[in-house]
Amino acid sequence: MTQEDKPDATPRKPQAARPCPICGKPAEQRWKPFCSKRCADVDLNRWLSGAYAIPVVEDEEGPEEPGAGQA
């Protein structure tokens, strides 16, 4: 069954070109979503150095022991 055979199939619109997330220049197909190898390497360095780490807030209470509170 092809997409034309499906009654609810709608053609997808091409996505608008997004700018490079590092410098804001138009993205190049070869380095997508970046504009150059340099910007791709800057992003990789940020991942590897931990600049993109998600902060975690730990609970003050420790983990409950299995069977705690049972008689």
C-alpha atoms as a PDB file:
ATOM      1  CA  MET A   1       0.000   0.000   0.000  1.00  0.00           C
ATOM      2  CA  THR A   2       1.490   3.333  -1.010  1.00  0.00           C
ATOM      3  CA  GLN A   3       0.956   6.675   0.648  1.00  0.00           C
ATOM      4  CA  GLU A   4      -1.387   7.753  -2.168  1.00  0.00           C
ATOM      5  CA  ASP A   5      -3.663   4.795  -1.346  1.00  0.00           C
ATOM      6  CA  LYS A   6      -4.216   5.979   2.221  1.00  0.00           C
ATOM      7  CA  PRO A   7      -7.221   8.302   2.512  1.00  0.00           C
ATOM      8  CA  ASP A   8      -5.799  10.407   5.369  1.00  0.00           C
ATOM      9  CA  ALA A   9      -2.291  10.790   3.950  1.00  0.00           C
ATOM     10  CA  THR A  10      -1.216  14.402   3.643  1.00  0.00           C
ATOM     11  CA  PRO A  11       1.974  15.456   1.897  1.00  0.00           C
ATOM     12  CA  ARG A  12       4.650  16.792   4.205  1.00  0.00           C
ATOM     13  CA  LYS A  13       5.830  20.334   3.810  1.00  0.00           C
ATOM     14  CA  PRO A  14       9.589  20.807   3.570  1.00  0.00           C
ATOM     15  CA  GLN A  15      10.954  22.205   6.803  1.00  0.00           C
ATOM     16  CA  ALA A  16      12.238  25.742   6.779  1.00  0.00           C
ATOM     17  CA  ALA A  17      16.012  25.935   6.935  1.00  0.00           C
ATOM     18  CA  ARG A  18      17.140  26.576  10.493  1.00  0.00           C
ATOM     19  CA  PRO A  19      20.219  28.626  11.242  1.00  0.00           C
ATOM     20  CA  CYS A  20      23.367  27.086  12.697  1.00  0.00           C
ATOM     21  CA  PRO A  21      22.799  26.681  16.474  1.00  0.00           C
ATOM     22  CA  ILE A  22      26.379  27.833  17.193  1.00  0.00           C
ATOM     23  CA  CYS A  23      26.818  30.985  15.091  1.00  0.00           C
ATOM     24  CA  GLY A  24      23.431  31.638  13.460  1.00  0.00           C
ATOM     25  CA  LYS A  25      24.603  31.415   9.823  1.00  0.00           C
ATOM     26  CA  PRO A  26      22.532  29.375   7.339  1.00  0.00           C
ATOM     27  CA  ALA A  27      23.100  25.627   7.756  1.00  0.00           C
ATOM     28  CA  GLU A  28      25.007  23.718   5.052  1.00  0.00           C
ATOM     29  CA  GLN A  29      23.642  20.368   3.893  1.00  0.00           C
ATOM     30  CA  ARG A  30      27.027  18.666   4.446  1.00  0.00           C
ATOM     31  CA  TRP A  31      27.278  19.773   8.092  1.00  0.00           C
ATOM     32  CA  LYS A  32      23.557  19.974   8.914  1.00  0.00           C
ATOM     33  CA  PRO A  33      22.387  21.355  11.327  1.00  0.00           C
ATOM     34  CA  PHE A  34      25.641  23.348  11.444  1.00  0.00           C
ATOM     35  CA  CYS A  35      27.142  25.715   8.876  1.00  0.00           C
ATOM     36  CA  SER A  36      30.665  24.300   8.952  1.00  0.00           C
ATOM     37  CA  LYS A  37      32.953  21.654  10.404  1.00  0.00           C
ATOM     38  CA  ARG A  38      34.213  24.249  12.869  1.00  0.00           C
ATOM     39  CA  CYS A  39      30.747  24.800  14.371  1.00  0.00           C
ATOM     40  CA  ALA A  40      30.133  21.029  14.457  1.00  0.00           C
ATOM     41  CA  ASP A  41      33.422  20.609  16.352  1.00  0.00           C
ATOM     42  CA  VAL A  42      32.539  23.423  18.775  1.00  0.00           C
ATOM     43  CA  ASP A  43      29.254  21.627  19.554  1.00  0.00           C
ATOM     44  CA  LEU A  44      31.024  18.274  19.999  1.00  0.00           C
ATOM     45  CA  ASN A  45      33.524  19.883  22.387  1.00  0.00           C
ATOM     46  CA  ARG A  46      30.657  21.323  24.428  1.00  0.00           C
ATOM     47  CA  TRP A  47      29.099  17.849  24.758  1.00  0.00           C
ATOM     48  CA  LEU A  48      32.405  16.201  25.671  1.00  0.00           C
ATOM     49  CA  SER A  49      33.384  18.883  28.217  1.00  0.00           C
ATOM     50  CA  GLY A  50      30.029  18.659  30.001  1.00  0.00           C
ATOM     51  CA  ALA A  51      28.800  22.141  29.055  1.00  0.00           C
ATOM     52  CA  TYR A  52      25.458  20.628  28.023  1.00  0.00           C
ATOM     53  CA  ALA A  53      24.984  18.675  31.263  1.00  0.00           C
ATOM     54  CA  ILE A  54      21.527  18.715  32.814  1.00  0.00           C
ATOM     55  CA  PRO A  55      21.676  19.786  36.472  1.00  0.00           C
ATOM     56  CA  VAL A  56      20.233  17.285  38.935  1.00  0.00           C
ATOM     57  CA  VAL A  57      18.717  18.107  42.312  1.00  0.00           C
ATOM     58  CA  GLU A  58      18.886  15.130  44.622  1.00  0.00           C
ATOM     59  CA  ASP A  59      16.290  14.436  47.301  1.00  0.00           C
ATOM     60  CA  GLU A  60      17.404  15.039  50.882  1.00  0.00           C
ATOM     61  CA  GLU A  61      15.911  11.721  51.950  1.00  0.00           C
ATOM     62  CA  GLY A  62      17.866   8.602  51.154  1.00  0.00           C
ATOM     63  CA  PRO A  63      16.394   5.730  49.204  1.00  0.00           C
ATOM     64  CA  GLU A  64      13.905   3.691  51.198  1.00  0.00           C
ATOM     65  CA  GLU A  65      14.963   0.224  52.176  1.00  0.00           C
ATOM     66  CA  PRO A  66      12.822  -2.631  50.882  1.00  0.00           C
ATOM     67  CA  GLY A  67      10.410  -3.819  53.559  1.00  0.00           C
ATOM     68  CA  ALA A  68      10.784  -0.711  55.711  1.00  0.00           C
ATOM     69  CA  GLY A  69       7.628   0.186  57.602  1.00  0.00           C
ATOM     70  CA  GLN A  70       6.131  -3.272  57.324  1.00  0.00           C
ATOM     71  CA  ALA A  71       5.311  -5.251  60.468  1.00  0.00           C
END
